[in-house]
Amino acid sequence: MINLFSIVLGLVALIASFVNLLGYKKQKSKKWVAFSIISFSACAIAICLQMFYSYILVKNEDFASLMDTMGTMAFVSAILVSVTILLNVVTFVLYRDKITI
């Protein structure tokens, strides 16, 4: 169940970033900061859930499952963080001119 929530939150992180980029063409898009915060938060929670899942495997002494899944979890988490940061940086660069101080 934890893995399912982690996958859903990872998808939310990526979708929120894409919605941000797709909303760039609209001149009245003022919710880009909220979408960036949602994206980073969902990414962080997804990775925390993966750490909790690893903790549960260690606590249950299921080291075979831990060894089978750890490499993939680390790789997918790194991809999720990298893509989320990249998309949000691109969003910030695009919206930089629209920021009013």
PDB file of N, CA and C in Angstrom:
ATOM      1  N   MET A   1       0.819  -1.185   0.000  1.00  0.00           N
ATOM      2  CA  MET A   1       0.000   0.000   0.000  1.00  0.00           C
ATOM      3  C   MET A   1       0.871   1.260   0.000  1.00  0.00           C
ATOM      4  N   ILE A   2       1.969   1.219   0.734  1.00  0.00           N
ATOM      5  CA  ILE A   2       2.877   2.362   0.782  1.00  0.00           C
ATOM      6  C   ILE A   2       3.459   2.620  -0.602  1.00  0.00           C
ATOM      7  N   ASN A   3       3.798   1.555  -1.330  1.00  0.00           N
ATOM      8  CA  ASN A   3       4.365   1.734  -2.664  1.00  0.00           C
ATOM      9  C   ASN A   3       3.363   2.362  -3.619  1.00  0.00           C
ATOM     10  N   LEU A   4       2.090   2.004  -3.493  1.00  0.00           N
ATOM     11  CA  LEU A   4       1.062   2.578  -4.347  1.00  0.00           C
ATOM     12  C   LEU A   4       0.933   4.080  -4.102  1.00  0.00           C
ATOM     13  N   PHE A   5       0.904   4.488  -2.829  1.00  0.00           N
ATOM     14  CA  PHE A   5       0.832   5.912  -2.512  1.00  0.00           C
ATOM     15  C   PHE A   5       2.078   6.649  -3.008  1.00  0.00           C
ATOM     16  N   SER A   6       3.216   6.007  -2.910  1.00  0.00           N
ATOM     17  CA  SER A   6       4.451   6.615  -3.383  1.00  0.00           C
ATOM     18  C   SER A   6       4.413   6.836  -4.896  1.00  0.00           C
ATOM     19  N   ILE A   7       3.920   5.865  -5.625  1.00  0.00           N
ATOM     20  CA  ILE A   7       3.813   6.005  -7.082  1.00  0.00           C
ATOM     21  C   ILE A   7       2.834   7.113  -7.435  1.00  0.00           C
ATOM     22  N   VAL A   8       1.697   7.143  -6.749  1.00  0.00           N
ATOM     23  CA  VAL A   8       0.697   8.179  -7.022  1.00  0.00           C
ATOM     24  C   VAL A   8       1.269   9.566  -6.740  1.00  0.00           C
ATOM     25  N   LEU A   9       1.963   9.718  -5.626  1.00  0.00           N
ATOM     26  CA  LEU A   9       2.541  11.020  -5.296  1.00  0.00           C
ATOM     27  C   LEU A   9       3.664  11.402  -6.263  1.00  0.00           C
ATOM     28  N   GLY A  10       4.414  10.437  -6.727  1.00  0.00           N
ATOM     29  CA  GLY A  10       5.431  10.716  -7.736  1.00  0.00           C
ATOM     30  C   GLY A  10       4.803  11.215  -9.028  1.00  0.00           C
ATOM     31  N   LEU A  11       3.695  10.596  -9.420  1.00  0.00           N
ATOM     32  CA  LEU A  11       2.984  11.060 -10.612  1.00  0.00           C
ATOM     33  C   LEU A  11       2.389  12.451 -10.401  1.00  0.00           C
ATOM     34  N   VAL A  12       1.881  12.718  -9.196  1.00  0.00           N
ATOM     35  CA  VAL A  12       1.361  14.049  -8.884  1.00  0.00           C
ATOM     36  C   VAL A  12       2.465  15.091  -9.013  1.00  0.00           C
ATOM     37  N   ALA A  13       3.648  14.754  -8.536  1.00  0.00           N
ATOM     38  CA  ALA A  13       4.782  15.689  -8.630  1.00  0.00           C
ATOM     39  C   ALA A  13       5.102  16.017 -10.081  1.00  0.00           C
ATOM     40  N   LEU A  14       5.113  15.018 -10.932  1.00  0.00           N
ATOM     41  CA  LEU A  14       5.437  15.245 -12.338  1.00  0.00           C
ATOM     42  C   LEU A  14       4.299  15.949 -13.074  1.00  0.00           C
ATOM     43  N   ILE A  15       3.061  15.559 -12.789  1.00  0.00           N
ATOM     44  CA  ILE A  15       1.912  16.174 -13.458  1.00  0.00           C
ATOM     45  C   ILE A  15       1.782  17.640 -13.064  1.00  0.00           C
ATOM     46  N   ALA A  16       2.001  17.956 -11.803  1.00  0.00           N
ATOM     47  CA  ALA A  16       1.924  19.359 -11.369  1.00  0.00           C
ATOM     48  C   ALA A  16       2.969  20.209 -12.093  1.00  0.00           C
ATOM     49  N   SER A  17       4.141  19.651 -12.310  1.00  0.00           N
ATOM     50  CA  SER A  17       5.180  20.378 -13.045  1.00  0.00           C
ATOM     51  C   SER A  17       4.780  20.596 -14.501  1.00  0.00           C
ATOM     52  N   PHE A  18       4.202  19.557 -15.126  1.00  0.00           N
ATOM     53  CA  PHE A  18       3.764  19.693 -16.513  1.00  0.00           C
ATOM     54  C   PHE A  18       2.614  20.681 -16.644  1.00  0.00           C
ATOM     55  N   VAL A  19       1.688  20.675 -15.690  1.00  0.00           N
ATOM     56  CA  VAL A  19       0.583  21.636 -15.710  1.00  0.00           C
ATOM     57  C   VAL A  19       1.139  23.053 -15.623  1.00  0.00           C
ATOM     58  N   ASN A  20       2.152  23.224 -14.817  1.00  0.00           N
ATOM     59  CA  ASN A  20       2.825  24.512 -14.713  1.00  0.00           C
ATOM     60  C   ASN A  20       3.372  24.969 -16.061  1.00  0.00           C
ATOM     61  N   LEU A  21       4.046  24.068 -16.742  1.00  0.00           N
ATOM     62  CA  LEU A  21       4.637  24.427 -18.033  1.00  0.00           C
ATOM     63  C   LEU A  21       3.572  24.660 -19.100  1.00  0.00           C
ATOM     64  N   LEU A  22       2.494  23.888 -19.064  1.00  0.00           N
ATOM     65  CA  LEU A  22       1.431  24.072 -20.048  1.00  0.00           C
ATOM     66  C   LEU A  22       0.660  25.364 -19.808  1.00  0.00           C
ATOM     67  N   GLY A  23       0.612  25.823 -18.565  1.00  0.00           N
ATOM     68  CA  GLY A  23      -0.087  27.059 -18.243  1.00  0.00           C
ATOM     69  C   GLY A  23       0.713  28.301 -18.533  1.00  0.00           C
ATOM     70  N   TYR A  24       1.916  28.149 -19.035  1.00  0.00           N
ATOM     71  CA  TYR A  24       2.768  29.302 -19.307  1.00  0.00           C
ATOM     72  C   TYR A  24       2.183  30.190 -20.397  1.00  0.00           C
ATOM     73  N   LYS A  25       1.547  29.600 -21.385  1.00  0.00           N
ATOM     74  CA  LYS A  25       1.007  30.380 -22.504  1.00  0.00           C
ATOM     75  C   LYS A  25      -0.097  31.332 -22.058  1.00  0.00           C
ATOM     76  N   LYS A  26      -0.804  30.976 -20.993  1.00  0.00           N
ATOM     77  CA  LYS A  26      -1.858  31.856 -20.484  1.00  0.00           C
ATOM     78  C   LYS A  26      -1.209  33.002 -19.726  1.00  0.00           C
ATOM     79  N   GLN A  27      -1.520  34.192 -20.108  1.00  0.00           N
ATOM     80  CA  GLN A  27      -0.904  35.365 -19.491  1.00  0.00           C
ATOM     81  C   GLN A  27      -1.380  35.577 -18.056  1.00  0.00           C
ATOM     82  N   LYS A  28      -2.544  35.031 -17.701  1.00  0.00           N
ATOM     83  CA  LYS A  28      -3.112  35.283 -16.384  1.00  0.00           C
ATOM     84  C   LYS A  28      -2.807  34.173 -15.386  1.00  0.00           C
ATOM     85  N   SER A  29      -1.895  33.291 -15.710  1.00  0.00           N
ATOM     86  CA  SER A  29      -1.580  32.176 -14.821  1.00  0.00           C
ATOM     87  C   SER A  29      -0.779  32.679 -13.619  1.00  0.00           C
ATOM     88  N   LYS A  30      -1.439  32.720 -12.470  1.00  0.00           N
ATOM     89  CA  LYS A  30      -0.784  33.213 -11.261  1.00  0.00           C
ATOM     90  C   LYS A  30      -0.587  32.114 -10.219  1.00  0.00           C
ATOM     91  N   LYS A  31      -0.944  30.896 -10.575  1.00  0.00           N
ATOM     92  CA  LYS A  31      -0.863  29.794  -9.618  1.00  0.00           C
ATOM     93  C   LYS A  31       0.387  28.939  -9.803  1.00  0.00           C
ATOM     94  N   TRP A  32       1.368  29.435 -10.515  1.00  0.00           N
ATOM     95  CA  TRP A  32       2.537  28.627 -10.803  1.00  0.00           C
ATOM     96  C   TRP A  32       3.352  28.332  -9.546  1.00  0.00           C
ATOM     97  N   VAL A  33       3.354  29.246  -8.586  1.00  0.00           N
ATOM     98  CA  VAL A  33       4.089  29.004  -7.342  1.00  0.00           C
ATOM     99  C   VAL A  33       3.431  27.874  -6.560  1.00  0.00           C
ATOM    100  N   ALA A  34       2.102  27.874  -6.528  1.00  0.00           N
ATOM    101  CA  ALA A  34       1.380  26.815  -5.818  1.00  0.00           C
ATOM    102  C   ALA A  34       1.644  25.458  -6.458  1.00  0.00           C
ATOM    103  N   PHE A  35       1.654  25.408  -7.792  1.00  0.00           N
ATOM    104  CA  PHE A  35       1.936  24.143  -8.463  1.00  0.00           C
ATOM    105  C   PHE A  35       3.375  23.679  -8.208  1.00  0.00           C
ATOM    106  N   SER A  36       4.306  24.603  -8.119  1.00  0.00           N
ATOM    107  CA  SER A  36       5.695  24.232  -7.812  1.00  0.00           C
ATOM    108  C   SER A  36       5.809  23.680  -6.399  1.00  0.00           C
ATOM    109  N   ILE A  37       5.125  24.312  -5.461  1.00  0.00           N
ATOM    110  CA  ILE A  37       5.150  23.827  -4.079  1.00  0.00           C
ATOM    111  C   ILE A  37       4.506  22.449  -3.986  1.00  0.00           C
ATOM    112  N   ILE A  38       3.382  22.260  -4.676  1.00  0.00           N
ATOM    113  CA  ILE A  38       2.723  20.953  -4.692  1.00  0.00           C
ATOM    114  C   ILE A  38       3.654  19.908  -5.292  1.00  0.00           C
ATOM    115  N   SER A  39       4.337  20.272  -6.353  1.00  0.00           N
ATOM    116  CA  SER A  39       5.242  19.346  -7.030  1.00  0.00           C
ATOM    117  C   SER A  39       6.389  18.910  -6.120  1.00  0.00           C
ATOM    118  N   PHE A  40       7.051  19.877  -5.493  1.00  0.00           N
ATOM    119  CA  PHE A  40       8.161  19.536  -4.591  1.00  0.00           C
ATOM    120  C   PHE A  40       7.677  18.760  -3.367  1.00  0.00           C
ATOM    121  N   SER A  41       6.529  19.132  -2.835  1.00  0.00           N
ATOM    122  CA  SER A  41       5.993  18.447  -1.653  1.00  0.00           C
ATOM    123  C   SER A  41       5.629  17.003  -1.973  1.00  0.00           C
ATOM    124  N   ALA A  42       4.969  16.786  -3.101  1.00  0.00           N
ATOM    125  CA  ALA A  42       4.602  15.428  -3.489  1.00  0.00           C
ATOM    126  C   ALA A  42       5.842  14.573  -3.729  1.00  0.00           C
ATOM    127  N   CYS A  43       6.861  15.165  -4.326  1.00  0.00           N
ATOM    128  CA  CYS A  43       8.114  14.442  -4.559  1.00  0.00           C
ATOM    129  C   CYS A  43       8.765  14.042  -3.229  1.00  0.00           C
ATOM    130  N   ALA A  44       8.813  14.980  -2.289  1.00  0.00           N
ATOM    131  CA  ALA A  44       9.427  14.701  -0.982  1.00  0.00           C
ATOM    132  C   ALA A  44       8.649  13.637  -0.219  1.00  0.00           C
ATOM    133  N   ILE A  45       7.333  13.715  -0.244  1.00  0.00           N
ATOM    134  CA  ILE A  45       6.519  12.733   0.474  1.00  0.00           C
ATOM    135  C   ILE A  45       6.660  11.356  -0.167  1.00  0.00           C
ATOM    136  N   ALA A  46       6.719  11.297  -1.508  1.00  0.00           N
ATOM    137  CA  ALA A  46       6.888  10.016  -2.196  1.00  0.00           C
ATOM    138  C   ALA A  46       8.200   9.344  -1.783  1.00  0.00           C
ATOM    139  N   ILE A  47       9.259  10.124  -1.689  1.00  0.00           N
ATOM    140  CA  ILE A  47      10.551   9.547  -1.296  1.00  0.00           C
ATOM    141  C   ILE A  47      10.538   9.151   0.180  1.00  0.00           C
ATOM    142  N   CYS A  48       9.884   9.928   1.027  1.00  0.00           N
ATOM    143  CA  CYS A  48       9.751   9.554   2.443  1.00  0.00           C
ATOM    144  C   CYS A  48       8.993   8.245   2.590  1.00  0.00           C
ATOM    145  N   LEU A  49       7.949   8.060   1.799  1.00  0.00           N
ATOM    146  CA  LEU A  49       7.205   6.805   1.857  1.00  0.00           C
ATOM    147  C   LEU A  49       8.081   5.625   1.454  1.00  0.00           C
ATOM    148  N   GLN A  50       8.959   5.825   0.488  1.00  0.00           N
ATOM    149  CA  GLN A  50       9.879   4.758   0.114  1.00  0.00           C
ATOM    150  C   GLN A  50      10.854   4.430   1.244  1.00  0.00           C
ATOM    151  N   MET A  51      11.287   5.455   1.975  1.00  0.00           N
ATOM    152  CA  MET A  51      12.162   5.210   3.121  1.00  0.00           C
ATOM    153  C   MET A  51      11.414   4.462   4.231  1.00  0.00           C
ATOM    154  N   PHE A  52      10.150   4.814   4.451  1.00  0.00           N
ATOM    155  CA  PHE A  52       9.347   4.088   5.444  1.00  0.00           C
ATOM    156  C   PHE A  52       9.156   2.631   5.036  1.00  0.00           C
ATOM    157  N   TYR A  53       8.968   2.400   3.735  1.00  0.00           N
ATOM    158  CA  TYR A  53       8.834   1.032   3.245  1.00  0.00           C
ATOM    159  C   TYR A  53      10.121   0.242   3.504  1.00  0.00           C
ATOM    160  N   SER A  54      11.256   0.871   3.263  1.00  0.00           N
ATOM    161  CA  SER A  54      12.534   0.205   3.546  1.00  0.00           C
ATOM    162  C   SER A  54      12.682  -0.073   5.030  1.00  0.00           C
ATOM    163  N   TYR A  55      12.255   0.863   5.859  1.00  0.00           N
ATOM    164  CA  TYR A  55      12.310   0.671   7.309  1.00  0.00           C
ATOM    165  C   TYR A  55      11.440  -0.515   7.739  1.00  0.00           C
ATOM    166  N   ILE A  56      10.261  -0.634   7.139  1.00  0.00           N
ATOM    167  CA  ILE A  56       9.377  -1.756   7.471  1.00  0.00           C
ATOM    168  C   ILE A  56      10.030  -3.075   7.086  1.00  0.00           C
ATOM    169  N   LEU A  57      10.684  -3.112   5.918  1.00  0.00           N
ATOM    170  CA  LEU A  57      11.365  -4.342   5.511  1.00  0.00           C
ATOM    171  C   LEU A  57      12.495  -4.702   6.470  1.00  0.00           C
ATOM    172  N   VAL A  58      13.239  -3.709   6.927  1.00  0.00           N
ATOM    173  CA  VAL A  58      14.326  -3.964   7.879  1.00  0.00           C
ATOM    174  C   VAL A  58      13.753  -4.422   9.217  1.00  0.00           C
ATOM    175  N   LYS A  59      12.692  -3.758   9.666  1.00  0.00           N
ATOM    176  CA  LYS A  59      12.083  -4.113  10.947  1.00  0.00           C
ATOM    177  C   LYS A  59      11.546  -5.540  10.925  1.00  0.00           C
ATOM    178  N   ASN A  60      10.993  -5.962   9.782  1.00  0.00           N
ATOM    179  CA  ASN A  60      10.484  -7.325   9.649  1.00  0.00           C
ATOM    180  C   ASN A  60      11.578  -8.321   9.278  1.00  0.00           C
ATOM    181  N   GLU A  61      12.800  -7.847   9.182  1.00  0.00           N
ATOM    182  CA  GLU A  61      13.958  -8.657   8.821  1.00  0.00           C
ATOM    183  C   GLU A  61      13.766  -9.382   7.494  1.00  0.00           C
ATOM    184  N   ASP A  62      13.139  -8.691   6.550  1.00  0.00           N
ATOM    185  CA  ASP A  62      12.935  -9.226   5.206  1.00  0.00           C
ATOM    186  C   ASP A  62      14.037  -8.678   4.303  1.00  0.00           C
ATOM    187  N   PHE A  63      15.253  -9.135   4.564  1.00  0.00           N
ATOM    188  CA  PHE A  63      16.413  -8.594   3.876  1.00  0.00           C
ATOM    189  C   PHE A  63      16.474  -9.009   2.414  1.00  0.00           C
ATOM    190  N   ALA A  64      15.876 -10.138   2.064  1.00  0.00           N
ATOM    191  CA  ALA A  64      15.856 -10.556   0.658  1.00  0.00           C
ATOM    192  C   ALA A  64      15.045  -9.565  -0.176  1.00  0.00           C
ATOM    193  N   SER A  65      13.880  -9.173   0.329  1.00  0.00           N
ATOM    194  CA  SER A  65      13.064  -8.181  -0.388  1.00  0.00           C
ATOM    195  C   SER A  65      13.768  -6.838  -0.434  1.00  0.00           C
ATOM    196  N   LEU A  66      14.424  -6.481   0.648  1.00  0.00           N
ATOM    197  CA  LEU A  66      15.136  -5.213   0.699  1.00  0.00           C
ATOM    198  C   LEU A  66      16.255  -5.179  -0.339  1.00  0.00           C
ATOM    199  N   MET A  67      17.003  -6.258  -0.425  1.00  0.00           N
ATOM    200  CA  MET A  67      18.100  -6.310  -1.391  1.00  0.00           C
ATOM    201  C   MET A  67      17.573  -6.329  -2.822  1.00  0.00           C
ATOM    202  N   ASP A  68      16.411  -6.941  -3.044  1.00  0.00           N
ATOM    203  CA  ASP A  68      15.842  -6.984  -4.387  1.00  0.00           C
ATOM    204  C   ASP A  68      15.328  -5.626  -4.852  1.00  0.00           C
ATOM    205  N   THR A  69      14.805  -4.830  -3.933  1.00  0.00           N
ATOM    206  CA  THR A  69      14.132  -3.586  -4.325  1.00  0.00           C
ATOM    207  C   THR A  69      14.968  -2.327  -4.123  1.00  0.00           C
ATOM    208  N   MET A  70      16.024  -2.388  -3.356  1.00  0.00           N
ATOM    209  CA  MET A  70      16.762  -1.180  -2.990  1.00  0.00           C
ATOM    210  C   MET A  70      17.377  -0.463  -4.189  1.00  0.00           C
ATOM    211  N   GLY A  71      17.958  -1.196  -5.098  1.00  0.00           N
ATOM    212  CA  GLY A  71      18.587  -0.570  -6.261  1.00  0.00           C
ATOM    213  C   GLY A  71      17.573   0.160  -7.130  1.00  0.00           C
ATOM    214  N   THR A  72      16.447  -0.482  -7.367  1.00  0.00           N
ATOM    215  CA  THR A  72      15.403   0.141  -8.177  1.00  0.00           C
ATOM    216  C   THR A  72      14.811   1.349  -7.476  1.00  0.00           C
ATOM    217  N   MET A  73      14.579   1.240  -6.175  1.00  0.00           N
ATOM    218  CA  MET A  73      14.030   2.369  -5.422  1.00  0.00           C
ATOM    219  C   MET A  73      14.973   3.567  -5.462  1.00  0.00           C
ATOM    220  N   ALA A  74      16.246   3.321  -5.322  1.00  0.00           N
ATOM    221  CA  ALA A  74      17.223   4.410  -5.360  1.00  0.00           C
ATOM    222  C   ALA A  74      17.264   5.050  -6.749  1.00  0.00           C
ATOM    223  N   PHE A  75      17.241   4.238  -7.786  1.00  0.00           N
ATOM    224  CA  PHE A  75      17.290   4.748  -9.154  1.00  0.00           C
ATOM    225  C   PHE A  75      16.046   5.569  -9.489  1.00  0.00           C
ATOM    226  N   VAL A  76      14.871   5.036  -9.177  1.00  0.00           N
ATOM    227  CA  VAL A  76      13.625   5.729  -9.481  1.00  0.00           C
ATOM    228  C   VAL A  76      13.500   7.009  -8.655  1.00  0.00           C
ATOM    229  N   SER A  77      13.934   6.968  -7.406  1.00  0.00           N
ATOM    230  CA  SER A  77      13.899   8.180  -6.577  1.00  0.00           C
ATOM    231  C   SER A  77      14.812   9.263  -7.139  1.00  0.00           C
ATOM    232  N   ALA A  78      15.986   8.870  -7.606  1.00  0.00           N
ATOM    233  CA  ALA A  78      16.904   9.841  -8.198  1.00  0.00           C
ATOM    234  C   ALA A  78      16.327  10.444  -9.475  1.00  0.00           C
ATOM    235  N   ILE A  79      15.685   9.630 -10.295  1.00  0.00           N
ATOM    236  CA  ILE A  79      15.049  10.125 -11.517  1.00  0.00           C
ATOM    237  C   ILE A  79      13.911  11.080 -11.160  1.00  0.00           C
ATOM    238  N   LEU A  80      13.087  10.714 -10.179  1.00  0.00           N
ATOM    239  CA  LEU A  80      11.962  11.561  -9.771  1.00  0.00           C
ATOM    240  C   LEU A  80      12.443  12.919  -9.280  1.00  0.00           C
ATOM    241  N   VAL A  81      13.451  12.926  -8.429  1.00  0.00           N
ATOM    242  CA  VAL A  81      13.975  14.193  -7.912  1.00  0.00           C
ATOM    243  C   VAL A  81      14.583  15.022  -9.036  1.00  0.00           C
ATOM    244  N   SER A  82      15.360  14.399  -9.901  1.00  0.00           N
ATOM    245  CA  SER A  82      16.017  15.125 -10.988  1.00  0.00           C
ATOM    246  C   SER A  82      15.005  15.754 -11.941  1.00  0.00           C
ATOM    247  N   VAL A  83      14.015  14.985 -12.350  1.00  0.00           N
ATOM    248  CA  VAL A  83      13.021  15.498 -13.287  1.00  0.00           C
ATOM    249  C   VAL A  83      12.169  16.581 -12.632  1.00  0.00           C
ATOM    250  N   THR A  84      11.801  16.392 -11.376  1.00  0.00           N
ATOM    251  CA  THR A  84      11.002  17.395 -10.673  1.00  0.00           C
ATOM    252  C   THR A  84      11.767  18.707 -10.548  1.00  0.00           C
ATOM    253  N   ILE A  85      13.013  18.629 -10.165  1.00  0.00           N
ATOM    254  CA  ILE A  85      13.825  19.852 -10.046  1.00  0.00           C
ATOM    255  C   ILE A  85      13.999  20.500 -11.415  1.00  0.00           C
ATOM    256  N   LEU A  86      14.303  19.717 -12.426  1.00  0.00           N
ATOM    257  CA  LEU A  86      14.504  20.260 -13.769  1.00  0.00           C
ATOM    258  C   LEU A  86      13.251  20.971 -14.279  1.00  0.00           C
ATOM    259  N   LEU A  87      12.096  20.333 -14.150  1.00  0.00           N
ATOM    260  CA  LEU A  87      10.859  20.946 -14.637  1.00  0.00           C
ATOM    261  C   LEU A  87      10.511  22.212 -13.859  1.00  0.00           C
ATOM    262  N   ASN A  88      10.752  22.204 -12.558  1.00  0.00           N
ATOM    263  CA  ASN A  88      10.438  23.395 -11.767  1.00  0.00           C
ATOM    264  C   ASN A  88      11.435  24.529 -12.025  1.00  0.00           C
ATOM    265  N   VAL A  89      12.674  24.213 -12.324  1.00  0.00           N
ATOM    266  CA  VAL A  89      13.638  25.253 -12.682  1.00  0.00           C
ATOM    267  C   VAL A  89      13.264  25.860 -14.030  1.00  0.00           C
ATOM    268  N   VAL A  90      12.870  25.025 -14.982  1.00  0.00           N
ATOM    269  CA  VAL A  90      12.424  25.543 -16.279  1.00  0.00           C
ATOM    270  C   VAL A  90      11.205  26.439 -16.091  1.00  0.00           C
ATOM    271  N   THR A  91      10.277  26.024 -15.242  1.00  0.00           N
ATOM    272  CA  THR A  91       9.092  26.839 -14.957  1.00  0.00           C
ATOM    273  C   THR A  91       9.494  28.178 -14.356  1.00  0.00           C
ATOM    274  N   PHE A  92      10.411  28.154 -13.411  1.00  0.00           N
ATOM    275  CA  PHE A  92      10.851  29.402 -12.789  1.00  0.00           C
ATOM    276  C   PHE A  92      11.501  30.329 -13.813  1.00  0.00           C
ATOM    277  N   VAL A  93      12.320  29.772 -14.691  1.00  0.00           N
ATOM    278  CA  VAL A  93      12.985  30.592 -15.709  1.00  0.00           C
ATOM    279  C   VAL A  93      11.947  31.204 -16.651  1.00  0.00           C
ATOM    280  N   LEU A  94      10.939  30.440 -17.030  1.00  0.00           N
ATOM    281  CA  LEU A  94       9.907  30.964 -17.918  1.00  0.00           C
ATOM    282  C   LEU A  94       9.072  32.056 -17.251  1.00  0.00           C
ATOM    283  N   TYR A  95       8.724  31.855 -15.983  1.00  0.00           N
ATOM    284  CA  TYR A  95       7.876  32.810 -15.276  1.00  0.00           C
ATOM    285  C   TYR A  95       8.665  33.958 -14.656  1.00  0.00           C
ATOM    286  N   ARG A  96       9.953  33.926 -14.768  1.00  0.00           N
ATOM    287  CA  ARG A  96      10.804  34.940 -14.148  1.00  0.00           C
ATOM    288  C   ARG A  96      10.430  36.351 -14.596  1.00  0.00           C
ATOM    289  N   ASP A  97      10.099  36.500 -15.855  1.00  0.00           N
ATOM    290  CA  ASP A  97       9.752  37.824 -16.374  1.00  0.00           C
ATOM    291  C   ASP A  97       8.383  38.300 -15.879  1.00  0.00           C
ATOM    292  N   LYS A  98       7.523  37.368 -15.470  1.00  0.00           N
ATOM    293  CA  LYS A  98       6.182  37.733 -15.032  1.00  0.00           C
ATOM    294  C   LYS A  98       6.110  38.027 -13.531  1.00  0.00           C
ATOM    295  N   ILE A  99       7.198  37.803 -12.820  1.00  0.00           N
ATOM    296  CA  ILE A  99       7.218  38.031 -11.379  1.00  0.00           C
ATOM    297  C   ILE A  99       7.228  39.528 -11.113  1.00  0.00           C
ATOM    298  N   THR A 100       6.281  39.976 -10.298  1.00  0.00           N
ATOM    299  CA  THR A 100       6.251  41.385  -9.899  1.00  0.00           C
ATOM    300  C   THR A 100       6.580  41.476  -8.431  1.00  0.00           C
ATOM    301  N   ILE A 101       7.498  42.338  -8.121  1.00  0.00           N
ATOM    302  CA  ILE A 101       7.923  42.482  -6.733  1.00  0.00           C
ATOM    303  C   ILE A 101       7.329  43.742  -6.163  1.00  0.00           C
TER     304      ILE A 101
END
